[in-house]
Amino acid sequence: MTSKRRWAYAEITGAAEEEIVFWMNAAATAAREGRPAHDDFGQGAARGVFQLWRYLTGGHQKQGDADRLEALTRRSAVADTAKP
């Protein structure tokens, strides 16, 4: 099935940011709970979201967005908002 919906750059970027933060928080929670496989999965998912964003927006990215989103895939860039 083919979708006719068109996504604006801001929608793609906003969705990517939300997903990256979600997966990095999940990874941090897993690490805190001693579940290294889930930690690795969450970090990998966040990097995957970033790579897909780069692919979808290639050639049309606004200055600073790539660096900002990539930085979110690093643990120190995202405050863990999940409850302990």
N, C-alpha and C. Protein backbone atom coordinates (compact mmCIF):
# COMPACT_ATOMS: atom_id res chain seq x y z
N MET A 1 0.85 -1.17 0.00
CA MET A 1 0.00 0.00 0.00
C MET A 1 0.90 1.24 0.00
N THR A 2 0.59 2.17 -0.85
CA THR A 2 1.36 3.41 -0.95
C THR A 2 0.59 4.55 -0.31
N SER A 3 1.28 5.29 0.53
CA SER A 3 0.66 6.42 1.20
C SER A 3 0.83 7.67 0.35
N LYS A 4 -0.19 8.50 0.30
CA LYS A 4 -0.14 9.76 -0.45
C LYS A 4 0.27 10.92 0.45
N ARG A 5 0.46 10.65 1.74
CA ARG A 5 0.80 11.72 2.68
C ARG A 5 2.19 12.25 2.38
N ARG A 6 2.33 13.56 2.47
CA ARG A 6 3.63 14.20 2.33
C ARG A 6 4.02 14.78 3.67
N TRP A 7 5.27 14.55 4.04
CA TRP A 7 5.78 15.02 5.32
C TRP A 7 6.63 16.26 5.09
N ALA A 8 6.45 17.25 5.92
CA ALA A 8 7.29 18.44 5.88
C ALA A 8 8.60 18.14 6.62
N TYR A 9 9.64 18.85 6.27
CA TYR A 9 10.93 18.68 6.91
C TYR A 9 10.82 18.78 8.43
N ALA A 10 10.10 19.78 8.90
CA ALA A 10 9.96 19.98 10.35
C ALA A 10 9.25 18.80 11.01
N GLU A 11 8.30 18.18 10.33
CA GLU A 11 7.61 17.01 10.89
C GLU A 11 8.56 15.82 10.99
N ILE A 12 9.33 15.59 9.95
CA ILE A 12 10.29 14.48 9.96
C ILE A 12 11.32 14.69 11.05
N THR A 13 11.84 15.90 11.13
CA THR A 13 12.88 16.21 12.12
C THR A 13 12.33 16.12 13.53
N GLY A 14 11.15 16.63 13.77
CA GLY A 14 10.54 16.56 15.09
C GLY A 14 10.26 15.13 15.51
N ALA A 15 9.74 14.32 14.59
CA ALA A 15 9.46 12.92 14.90
C ALA A 15 10.76 12.17 15.19
N ALA A 16 11.79 12.45 14.41
CA ALA A 16 13.09 11.80 14.64
C ALA A 16 13.64 12.16 16.02
N GLU A 17 13.55 13.42 16.37
CA GLU A 17 14.06 13.86 17.68
C GLU A 17 13.31 13.16 18.80
N GLU A 18 11.99 13.09 18.72
CA GLU A 18 11.20 12.42 19.75
C GLU A 18 11.59 10.96 19.89
N GLU A 19 11.77 10.28 18.76
CA GLU A 19 12.13 8.85 18.79
C GLU A 19 13.53 8.63 19.33
N ILE A 20 14.47 9.49 18.95
CA ILE A 20 15.84 9.36 19.46
C ILE A 20 15.84 9.51 20.97
N VAL A 21 15.15 10.52 21.48
CA VAL A 21 15.10 10.74 22.93
C VAL A 21 14.42 9.55 23.61
N PHE A 22 13.34 9.05 23.03
CA PHE A 22 12.64 7.89 23.59
C PHE A 22 13.59 6.70 23.72
N TRP A 23 14.28 6.36 22.64
CA TRP A 23 15.16 5.19 22.66
C TRP A 23 16.37 5.38 23.55
N MET A 24 16.91 6.59 23.61
CA MET A 24 18.04 6.82 24.50
C MET A 24 17.61 6.76 25.97
N ASN A 25 16.41 7.22 26.28
CA ASN A 25 15.91 7.08 27.65
C ASN A 25 15.66 5.62 27.98
N ALA A 26 15.13 4.86 27.02
CA ALA A 26 14.93 3.42 27.25
C ALA A 26 16.27 2.73 27.50
N ALA A 27 17.29 3.12 26.74
CA ALA A 27 18.62 2.54 26.91
C ALA A 27 19.18 2.88 28.29
N ALA A 28 19.01 4.11 28.72
CA ALA A 28 19.52 4.52 30.04
C ALA A 28 18.81 3.76 31.15
N THR A 29 17.51 3.57 31.02
CA THR A 29 16.76 2.80 32.01
C THR A 29 17.26 1.36 32.06
N ALA A 30 17.46 0.77 30.89
CA ALA A 30 17.96 -0.61 30.83
C ALA A 30 19.34 -0.72 31.46
N ALA A 31 20.20 0.24 31.20
CA ALA A 31 21.55 0.22 31.79
C ALA A 31 21.48 0.32 33.30
N ARG A 32 20.62 1.20 33.77
CA ARG A 32 20.46 1.39 35.22
C ARG A 32 19.92 0.13 35.88
N GLU A 33 19.11 -0.62 35.15
CA GLU A 33 18.51 -1.85 35.69
C GLU A 33 19.37 -3.08 35.43
N GLY A 34 20.55 -2.89 34.84
CA GLY A 34 21.46 -4.00 34.60
C GLY A 34 21.05 -4.91 33.45
N ARG A 35 20.44 -4.33 32.42
CA ARG A 35 20.03 -5.10 31.25
C ARG A 35 20.82 -4.62 30.03
N PRO A 36 22.07 -5.07 29.90
CA PRO A 36 22.94 -4.54 28.85
C PRO A 36 22.45 -4.79 27.43
N ALA A 37 21.78 -5.90 27.18
CA ALA A 37 21.29 -6.17 25.82
C ALA A 37 20.23 -5.14 25.42
N HIS A 38 19.36 -4.80 26.38
CA HIS A 38 18.34 -3.79 26.10
C HIS A 38 18.95 -2.39 25.96
N ASP A 39 19.99 -2.14 26.73
CA ASP A 39 20.73 -0.88 26.61
C ASP A 39 21.30 -0.76 25.20
N ASP A 40 21.98 -1.81 24.74
CA ASP A 40 22.56 -1.80 23.39
C ASP A 40 21.48 -1.63 22.33
N PHE A 41 20.34 -2.32 22.51
CA PHE A 41 19.26 -2.21 21.54
C PHE A 41 18.74 -0.79 21.46
N GLY A 42 18.51 -0.17 22.61
CA GLY A 42 17.99 1.20 22.62
C GLY A 42 18.93 2.18 21.95
N GLN A 43 20.22 2.04 22.23
CA GLN A 43 21.20 2.92 21.59
C GLN A 43 21.25 2.68 20.08
N GLY A 44 21.18 1.42 19.69
CA GLY A 44 21.17 1.09 18.26
C GLY A 44 19.93 1.63 17.55
N ALA A 45 18.79 1.54 18.23
CA ALA A 45 17.55 2.07 17.65
C ALA A 45 17.64 3.58 17.46
N ALA A 46 18.20 4.27 18.45
CA ALA A 46 18.37 5.72 18.35
C ALA A 46 19.28 6.08 17.17
N ARG A 47 20.38 5.35 17.02
CA ARG A 47 21.27 5.61 15.89
C ARG A 47 20.59 5.30 14.57
N GLY A 48 19.77 4.25 14.56
CA GLY A 48 19.01 3.91 13.35
C GLY A 48 18.04 5.01 12.95
N VAL A 49 17.36 5.59 13.94
CA VAL A 49 16.45 6.70 13.66
C VAL A 49 17.22 7.86 13.05
N PHE A 50 18.39 8.16 13.62
CA PHE A 50 19.20 9.25 13.09
C PHE A 50 19.63 8.97 11.64
N GLN A 51 20.06 7.74 11.38
CA GLN A 51 20.49 7.40 10.02
C GLN A 51 19.34 7.51 9.03
N LEU A 52 18.15 7.08 9.41
CA LEU A 52 16.99 7.20 8.53
C LEU A 52 16.66 8.67 8.30
N TRP A 53 16.72 9.49 9.34
CA TRP A 53 16.48 10.93 9.18
C TRP A 53 17.46 11.51 8.17
N ARG A 54 18.75 11.15 8.31
CA ARG A 54 19.77 11.64 7.37
C ARG A 54 19.45 11.25 5.95
N TYR A 55 19.00 10.01 5.76
CA TYR A 55 18.65 9.53 4.43
C TYR A 55 17.45 10.30 3.87
N LEU A 56 16.42 10.45 4.68
CA LEU A 56 15.19 11.11 4.21
C LEU A 56 15.38 12.60 3.93
N THR A 57 16.27 13.24 4.66
CA THR A 57 16.42 14.69 4.53
C THR A 57 17.69 15.09 3.79
N GLY A 58 18.44 14.12 3.29
CA GLY A 58 19.71 14.40 2.62
C GLY A 58 19.59 15.49 1.57
N GLY A 59 20.46 16.45 1.65
CA GLY A 59 20.45 17.57 0.71
C GLY A 59 19.49 18.68 1.06
N HIS A 60 18.69 18.49 2.08
CA HIS A 60 17.69 19.51 2.45
C HIS A 60 17.73 19.84 3.93
N GLN A 61 18.79 19.45 4.62
CA GLN A 61 18.87 19.66 6.06
C GLN A 61 19.17 21.11 6.40
N LYS A 62 18.54 21.56 7.46
CA LYS A 62 18.82 22.90 7.98
C LYS A 62 20.11 22.86 8.79
N GLN A 63 20.85 23.94 8.73
CA GLN A 63 22.13 24.01 9.42
C GLN A 63 21.98 23.70 10.90
N GLY A 64 22.80 22.81 11.38
CA GLY A 64 22.83 22.46 12.79
C GLY A 64 21.96 21.28 13.18
N ASP A 65 20.97 20.94 12.36
CA ASP A 65 20.07 19.84 12.73
C ASP A 65 20.79 18.50 12.80
N ALA A 66 21.64 18.21 11.83
CA ALA A 66 22.34 16.92 11.84
C ALA A 66 23.22 16.79 13.07
N ASP A 67 23.97 17.83 13.39
CA ASP A 67 24.83 17.78 14.58
C ASP A 67 24.00 17.63 15.85
N ARG A 68 22.89 18.35 15.92
CA ARG A 68 22.04 18.31 17.12
C ARG A 68 21.42 16.93 17.30
N LEU A 69 20.88 16.35 16.23
CA LEU A 69 20.26 15.03 16.34
C LEU A 69 21.30 13.94 16.61
N GLU A 70 22.45 14.04 15.95
CA GLU A 70 23.49 13.05 16.20
C GLU A 70 23.97 13.12 17.64
N ALA A 71 24.07 14.32 18.19
CA ALA A 71 24.48 14.48 19.58
C ALA A 71 23.50 13.80 20.53
N LEU A 72 22.22 13.79 20.18
CA LEU A 72 21.22 13.14 21.03
C LEU A 72 21.43 11.63 21.11
N THR A 73 22.13 11.05 20.13
CA THR A 73 22.37 9.61 20.16
C THR A 73 23.50 9.24 21.11
N ARG A 74 24.12 10.23 21.70
CA ARG A 74 25.15 9.97 22.71
C ARG A 74 24.52 10.10 24.09
N ARG A 75 24.82 9.16 24.94
CA ARG A 75 24.17 9.08 26.25
C ARG A 75 24.23 10.38 27.02
N SER A 76 25.35 11.08 27.00
CA SER A 76 25.49 12.29 27.81
C SER A 76 24.61 13.44 27.33
N ALA A 77 24.08 13.34 26.12
CA ALA A 77 23.30 14.44 25.56
C ALA A 77 21.83 14.42 25.97
N VAL A 78 21.34 13.26 26.42
CA VAL A 78 19.92 13.13 26.74
C VAL A 78 19.77 12.85 28.22
N ALA A 79 19.06 13.73 28.89
CA ALA A 79 18.77 13.50 30.32
C ALA A 79 17.75 12.39 30.41
N ASP A 80 18.01 11.42 31.26
CA ASP A 80 17.07 10.31 31.43
C ASP A 80 15.85 10.82 32.17
N THR A 81 14.72 10.86 31.46
CA THR A 81 13.49 11.36 32.08
C THR A 81 12.63 10.23 32.60
N ALA A 82 13.08 8.99 32.37
CA ALA A 82 12.31 7.84 32.87
C ALA A 82 12.42 7.76 34.38
N LYS A 83 11.39 7.29 35.00
CA LYS A 83 11.38 7.12 36.46
C LYS A 83 12.23 5.92 36.84
N PRO A 84 13.03 6.03 37.93
CA PRO A 84 13.83 4.88 38.37
C PRO A 84 12.98 3.75 38.90
